[in-house]
Protein backbone atom coordinates (compact mmCIF):
# COMPACT_ATOMS: atom_id res chain seq x y z
CA UNK A 1 -39.01 46.28 15.32
CA UNK A 2 -37.58 43.03 17.66
CA UNK A 3 -35.84 40.60 15.08
CA UNK A 4 -37.21 37.15 14.49
CA UNK A 5 -35.06 34.56 16.30
CA UNK A 6 -33.17 32.40 13.73
CA UNK A 7 -33.64 28.75 15.25
CA UNK A 8 -32.46 25.41 13.42
CA UNK A 9 -35.21 23.31 14.84
CA UNK A 10 -35.35 19.76 12.84
CA UNK A 11 -32.23 20.72 11.24
CA UNK A 12 -29.02 18.35 11.89
CA UNK A 13 -25.47 19.48 11.91
CA UNK A 14 -21.93 18.04 11.24
CA UNK A 15 -19.23 20.21 12.77
CA UNK A 16 -15.98 18.75 11.91
CA UNK A 17 -13.14 19.79 14.93
CA UNK A 18 -16.24 20.59 17.31
CA UNK A 19 -14.57 19.53 20.26
CA UNK A 20 -12.53 22.65 21.01
CA UNK A 21 -12.18 26.14 20.25
CA UNK A 22 -14.13 27.19 17.48
CA UNK A 23 -15.93 24.52 16.28
CA UNK A 24 -17.02 23.90 20.01
CA UNK A 25 -18.60 27.52 19.88
CA UNK A 26 -20.54 26.88 17.14
CA UNK A 27 -21.98 23.67 18.36
CA UNK A 28 -22.79 25.08 21.60
CA UNK A 29 -24.23 28.07 19.63
CA UNK A 30 -26.45 25.94 17.06
CA UNK A 31 -27.44 23.21 19.73
CA UNK A 32 -28.74 26.03 21.72
CA UNK A 33 -31.07 27.25 18.86
CA UNK A 34 -32.42 23.78 18.03
CA UNK A 35 -29.89 22.18 15.75
CA UNK A 36 -28.94 18.60 16.27
CA UNK A 37 -25.38 18.24 16.18
CA UNK A 38 -22.79 15.64 15.17
CA UNK A 39 -19.75 16.89 17.04
CA UNK A 40 -16.82 15.23 15.32
CA UNK A 41 -13.29 15.25 16.90
CA UNK A 42 -10.58 13.24 17.35
CA UNK A 43 -9.37 15.13 19.91
CA UNK A 44 -5.86 15.09 19.63
CA UNK A 45 -2.77 17.10 20.37
CA UNK A 46 -2.62 20.65 18.11
CA UNK A 47 -0.27 18.41 15.75
CA UNK A 48 -2.97 15.86 15.50
CA UNK A 49 -1.15 13.32 17.71
CA UNK A 50 -2.89 11.18 20.23
CA UNK A 51 -6.30 10.85 19.68
CA UNK A 52 -8.86 11.55 22.70
CA UNK A 53 -12.49 10.84 22.00
CA UNK A 54 -13.25 12.28 25.51
CA UNK A 55 -12.94 15.80 24.04
CA UNK A 56 -16.28 15.30 21.79
CA UNK A 57 -17.93 13.78 23.96
CA UNK A 58 -17.29 16.64 26.84
CA UNK A 59 -19.18 18.92 24.06
CA UNK A 60 -22.08 16.60 23.80
CA UNK A 61 -22.62 16.02 27.28
CA UNK A 62 -22.41 19.71 27.66
CA UNK A 63 -25.30 19.84 24.85
CA UNK A 64 -27.08 17.15 26.44
CA UNK A 65 -27.19 18.57 29.91
CA UNK A 66 -29.01 21.99 27.93
CA UNK A 67 -31.92 19.96 26.65
CA UNK A 68 -30.28 19.25 23.28
CA UNK A 69 -29.46 16.63 21.05
CA UNK A 70 -26.28 15.38 19.92
CA UNK A 71 -23.85 13.07 19.35
CA UNK A 72 -19.81 12.24 19.17
CA UNK A 73 -17.72 10.90 16.35
CA UNK A 74 -14.36 10.34 16.43
CA UNK A 75 -13.62 9.75 12.12
CA UNK A 76 -10.70 11.07 10.76
CA UNK A 77 -11.56 13.27 7.98
CA UNK A 78 -8.17 12.98 6.19
CA UNK A 79 -9.49 9.33 4.64
CA UNK A 80 -12.51 9.28 2.46
CA UNK A 81 -14.00 6.22 4.72
CA UNK A 82 -13.51 8.68 7.41
CA UNK A 83 -15.25 11.51 5.57
CA UNK A 84 -18.06 9.15 4.77
CA UNK A 85 -18.92 7.91 8.31
CA UNK A 86 -18.84 10.89 9.47
CA UNK A 87 -21.70 12.05 7.09
CA UNK A 88 -23.34 8.88 7.63
CA UNK A 89 -23.05 9.28 11.33
CA UNK A 90 -26.00 12.19 10.86
CA UNK A 91 -28.17 10.07 8.33
CA UNK A 92 -28.31 7.03 10.49
CA UNK A 93 -29.33 9.06 13.57
CA UNK A 94 -31.56 11.48 12.09
CA UNK A 95 -32.14 10.37 8.43
CA UNK A 96 -30.74 13.81 7.20
CA UNK A 97 -27.76 16.16 6.83
CA UNK A 98 -29.00 19.93 6.47
CA UNK A 99 -25.35 21.80 7.17
CA UNK A 100 -21.70 20.93 7.27
CA UNK A 101 -19.32 22.81 9.02
CA UNK A 102 -15.54 21.54 8.00
CA UNK A 103 -13.63 23.10 11.15
CA UNK A 104 -11.21 20.28 11.89
CA UNK A 105 -7.45 21.13 11.32
CA UNK A 106 -4.25 20.94 12.69
CA UNK A 107 -0.93 22.77 12.82
CA UNK A 108 2.40 21.73 11.92
CA UNK A 109 5.35 24.57 11.00
CA UNK A 110 7.86 24.70 8.17
CA UNK A 111 9.07 26.61 5.61
CA UNK A 112 9.00 26.12 1.60
CA UNK A 113 12.96 24.42 1.98
CA UNK A 114 12.75 22.48 5.13
CA UNK A 115 9.34 21.16 6.00
CA UNK A 116 9.40 17.48 5.86
CA UNK A 117 6.86 15.83 3.70
CA UNK A 118 5.32 13.78 6.27
CA UNK A 119 4.35 17.35 7.84
CA UNK A 120 3.34 18.85 4.95
CA UNK A 121 1.10 16.14 4.17
CA UNK A 122 -0.12 15.67 7.44
CA UNK A 123 -1.80 18.74 7.24
CA UNK A 124 -3.10 19.27 3.73
CA UNK A 125 -4.57 15.93 4.56
CA UNK A 126 -6.74 17.03 7.32
CA UNK A 127 -7.49 20.86 6.20
CA UNK A 128 -7.90 20.41 2.56
CA UNK A 129 -8.39 16.74 1.39
CA UNK A 130 -10.37 16.63 4.64
CA UNK A 131 -12.88 19.36 3.57
CA UNK A 132 -13.28 17.01 -0.14
CA UNK A 133 -13.85 14.27 1.71
CA UNK A 134 -17.03 15.67 3.83
CA UNK A 135 -17.76 17.68 1.02
CA UNK A 136 -18.36 14.92 -1.29
CA UNK A 137 -20.01 12.67 0.71
CA UNK A 138 -22.64 15.09 2.16
CA UNK A 139 -23.50 17.01 -1.05
CA UNK A 140 -25.23 14.22 -2.88
CA UNK A 141 -27.70 13.92 0.38
CA UNK A 142 -28.35 17.66 0.36
CA UNK A 143 -28.83 17.64 -3.52
CA UNK A 144 -31.49 15.39 -3.28
CA UNK A 145 -33.50 16.66 -0.49
CA UNK A 146 -33.14 20.25 -2.43
CA UNK A 147 -31.40 21.94 0.77
CA UNK A 148 -27.81 22.33 2.11
CA UNK A 149 -25.41 24.56 3.90
CA UNK A 150 -21.52 23.99 3.58
CA UNK A 151 -19.21 26.21 5.75
CA UNK A 152 -15.43 26.21 5.21
CA UNK A 153 -12.81 27.35 6.74
CA UNK A 154 -9.72 29.32 5.52
CA UNK A 155 -7.77 31.72 7.05
CA UNK A 156 -5.61 34.85 6.65
CA UNK A 157 -3.06 33.10 6.16
CA UNK A 158 -4.61 31.01 3.05
CA UNK A 159 -5.77 34.19 1.89
CA UNK A 160 -2.68 36.68 2.19
CA UNK A 161 0.14 33.96 3.47
CA UNK A 162 2.11 33.56 6.50
CA UNK A 163 5.84 32.35 6.51
CA UNK A 164 6.56 28.85 7.69
CA UNK A 165 3.35 27.37 7.53
CA UNK A 166 3.03 26.67 3.33
CA UNK A 167 1.34 23.29 4.13
CA UNK A 168 -1.74 25.03 6.17
CA UNK A 169 -1.33 28.31 3.26
CA UNK A 170 -1.82 26.21 0.66
CA UNK A 171 -4.49 24.02 2.39
CA UNK A 172 -6.59 27.05 3.03
CA UNK A 173 -6.40 28.88 -0.25
CA UNK A 174 -7.63 25.16 -1.69
CA UNK A 175 -11.06 26.41 0.33
CA UNK A 176 -11.66 29.09 -2.20
CA UNK A 177 -11.74 26.69 -5.13
CA UNK A 178 -13.57 23.76 -3.50
CA UNK A 179 -15.76 26.40 -2.11
CA UNK A 180 -17.26 28.20 -5.56
CA UNK A 181 -17.36 24.72 -7.48
CA UNK A 182 -19.74 23.17 -4.49
CA UNK A 183 -21.58 26.85 -4.69
CA UNK A 184 -21.88 26.87 -8.80
CA UNK A 185 -23.36 22.84 -8.38
CA UNK A 186 -25.36 23.49 -5.49
CA UNK A 187 -27.15 26.59 -6.68
CA UNK A 188 -30.00 24.44 -8.48
CA UNK A 189 -30.58 22.47 -5.42
CA UNK A 190 -30.22 24.78 -2.90
CA UNK A 191 -27.45 23.99 -1.21
CA UNK A 192 -25.36 27.05 -0.81
CA UNK A 193 -21.53 26.79 0.33
CA UNK A 194 -19.54 29.49 1.71
CA UNK A 195 -16.07 30.26 3.57
CA UNK A 196 -15.31 31.82 6.97
CA UNK A 197 -12.24 33.05 7.26
CA UNK A 198 -12.00 33.45 11.32
CA UNK A 199 -9.83 34.75 13.75
CA UNK A 200 -9.79 33.91 17.06
CA UNK A 201 -8.02 33.50 20.34
CA UNK A 202 -7.72 29.21 20.75
CA UNK A 203 -4.71 26.78 21.51
CA UNK A 204 -3.67 27.16 17.86
CA UNK A 205 -2.47 30.78 19.14
CA UNK A 206 -0.17 28.88 21.76
CA UNK A 207 3.40 30.83 21.54
CA UNK A 208 2.09 33.96 20.11
CA UNK A 209 2.23 37.27 22.51
CA UNK A 210 -1.57 38.28 22.50
CA UNK A 211 -0.92 40.62 25.20
CA UNK A 212 -2.14 43.31 22.90
CA UNK A 213 -5.03 41.72 21.41
CA UNK A 214 -8.60 42.89 21.75
CA UNK A 215 -11.74 40.33 22.77
CA UNK A 216 -11.31 37.53 20.30
CA UNK A 217 -13.13 34.90 21.83
CA UNK A 218 -14.88 32.27 19.44
CA UNK A 219 -17.91 32.93 20.37
CA UNK A 220 -17.49 36.29 18.60
CA UNK A 221 -17.31 34.10 15.45
CA UNK A 222 -20.08 31.34 16.19
CA UNK A 223 -23.12 33.76 15.36
CA UNK A 224 -21.28 34.47 11.95
CA UNK A 225 -21.28 30.99 11.24
CA UNK A 226 -24.35 29.79 12.31
CA UNK A 227 -25.94 32.64 9.75
CA UNK A 228 -23.72 30.53 6.85
CA UNK A 229 -25.42 27.28 7.98
CA UNK A 230 -29.03 28.58 8.46
CA UNK A 231 -31.67 28.59 5.71
CA UNK A 232 -31.92 32.35 6.23
CA UNK A 233 -28.06 32.70 4.51
CA UNK A 234 -28.73 34.96 1.47
CA UNK A 235 -25.52 34.50 0.15
CA UNK A 236 -23.36 31.51 -1.39
CA UNK A 237 -19.77 31.00 -3.00
CA UNK A 238 -18.53 34.04 -0.44
CA UNK A 239 -15.48 34.31 1.69
CA UNK A 240 -16.69 36.26 5.26
CA UNK A 241 -14.20 37.18 7.47
CA UNK A 242 -14.92 37.52 11.48
CA UNK A 243 -12.34 39.01 13.24
CA UNK A 244 -12.08 40.96 16.88
CA UNK A 245 -15.99 41.74 16.49
CA UNK A 246 -15.52 42.58 12.65
CA UNK A 247 -17.42 41.33 9.96
CA UNK A 248 -16.41 41.84 6.37
CA UNK A 249 -16.55 40.15 2.68
CA UNK A 250 -13.82 38.93 1.30
CA UNK A 251 -13.11 38.63 -2.52
CA UNK A 252 -10.65 38.09 -5.46
CA UNK A 253 -10.94 41.02 -8.10
CA UNK A 254 -9.26 42.15 -10.82
CA UNK A 255 -8.27 45.34 -12.49
CA UNK A 256 -9.96 46.76 -15.21
CA UNK A 257 -7.12 45.60 -17.60
CA UNK A 258 -5.01 46.53 -20.60
CA UNK A 259 -6.09 45.39 -24.30
CA UNK A 260 -3.85 45.11 -27.15
CA UNK A 261 -4.03 43.24 -30.39
CA UNK A 262 -0.54 41.88 -30.02
CA UNK A 263 2.03 41.81 -27.61
CA UNK A 264 5.89 41.90 -27.06
CA UNK A 265 7.88 41.15 -24.01
CA UNK A 266 8.92 44.54 -23.88
CA UNK A 267 4.80 46.10 -24.26
CA UNK A 268 3.93 43.73 -21.28
CA UNK A 269 7.01 45.20 -19.18
CA UNK A 270 6.23 48.97 -20.30
CA UNK A 271 1.91 48.36 -19.44
CA UNK A 272 2.62 46.67 -15.99
CA UNK A 273 1.65 49.54 -14.34
CA UNK A 274 -0.83 50.43 -15.92
CA UNK A 275 -2.69 46.68 -15.82
CA UNK A 276 -1.86 46.92 -12.25
CA UNK A 277 -3.54 50.24 -11.69
CA UNK A 278 -6.61 49.62 -9.73
CA UNK A 279 -8.24 53.37 -10.07
CA UNK A 280 -9.85 55.01 -7.73
CA UNK A 281 -13.37 54.57 -9.02
CA UNK A 282 -15.61 51.62 -10.25
CA UNK A 283 -15.46 49.91 -12.61
CA UNK A 284 -11.39 50.03 -12.87
CA UNK A 285 -11.55 47.04 -10.09
CA UNK A 286 -13.73 44.15 -10.73
CA UNK A 287 -15.67 42.23 -8.58
CA UNK A 288 -17.43 39.36 -10.95
CA UNK A 289 -18.70 36.83 -8.02
CA UNK A 290 -19.93 33.57 -8.05
CA UNK A 291 -20.21 33.52 -11.80
CA UNK A 292 -16.69 35.32 -12.55
CA UNK A 293 -15.53 32.37 -14.41
CA UNK A 294 -18.28 33.24 -17.40
CA UNK A 295 -17.81 36.74 -16.59
CA UNK A 296 -14.50 37.17 -16.88
CA UNK A 297 -14.37 35.20 -20.35
CA UNK A 298 -17.06 37.71 -21.42
CA UNK A 299 -15.72 40.89 -20.40
CA UNK A 300 -12.25 39.76 -21.78
CA UNK A 301 -13.86 38.65 -24.68
CA UNK A 302 -15.60 42.10 -24.78
CA UNK A 303 -12.58 43.95 -24.92
CA UNK A 304 -11.04 41.75 -27.95
CA UNK A 305 -14.08 42.26 -30.16
CA UNK A 306 -14.09 45.97 -29.27
CA UNK A 307 -10.17 46.14 -30.15
CA UNK A 308 -9.94 48.93 -27.05
CA UNK A 309 -10.29 48.73 -23.30
CA UNK A 310 -13.72 48.13 -22.52
């Protein structure tokens, strides 16, 4: 059977960092499916220097030329005032905000030992604090209209870590906590929040040898993000990876664990291998999902009550 086309007619999306790379691909795809788009981008260099408002406007011009609706916005996500102004641009123009995709980012490399505080803070302010600023500004509107979709951007550097980018790693792992809370608080209001973990060849790949990479254009990631931003999206509180045409769910998990009524330091050392054992069969690896806070406690308490490994 032919698939029903998923469209965004009547919907309004804000895309931060929408002027280049992944954000541009998201904006063009969603606009081609009827979405009204606020293209937010400072248009600066990769470090965040030298704003250029023509970058966002160029994407808007492409959308309008193709028959779509879009406006450009150059407010900074790095301040609460900027975050509010970005969301307000959507409200003032179209009266609502249905989808928020936080994609804005900058890169300033440095190890834990050597990075300057300014370089550390600059990246955290855009990626992590920027996410909070726009989510907070949009969240009330979404809850009040009983609909919203939030897509936050993490990275394999945030999930697994990477050397010489501690600011980026902290920021991208922080998305997991923000996403979980937004998903939980939005649950009763039909506001869903998810994380995209994208990999694509953009200007952030400058200086990396990509000669052996498979095709990794931003357009391979865009349909995943568009689905997460669509009313048909069926998941919330999840991390979805998209790399070189592969889509996967990423998640935090726990081993079955070990119970004893009391422990010594030596007991912990002796049990290390056991509580690290993932086993070969479920349920030795536990995926508690969105309500993991409660389920983790309940599972652990059951072990304690029963006095044995659950």
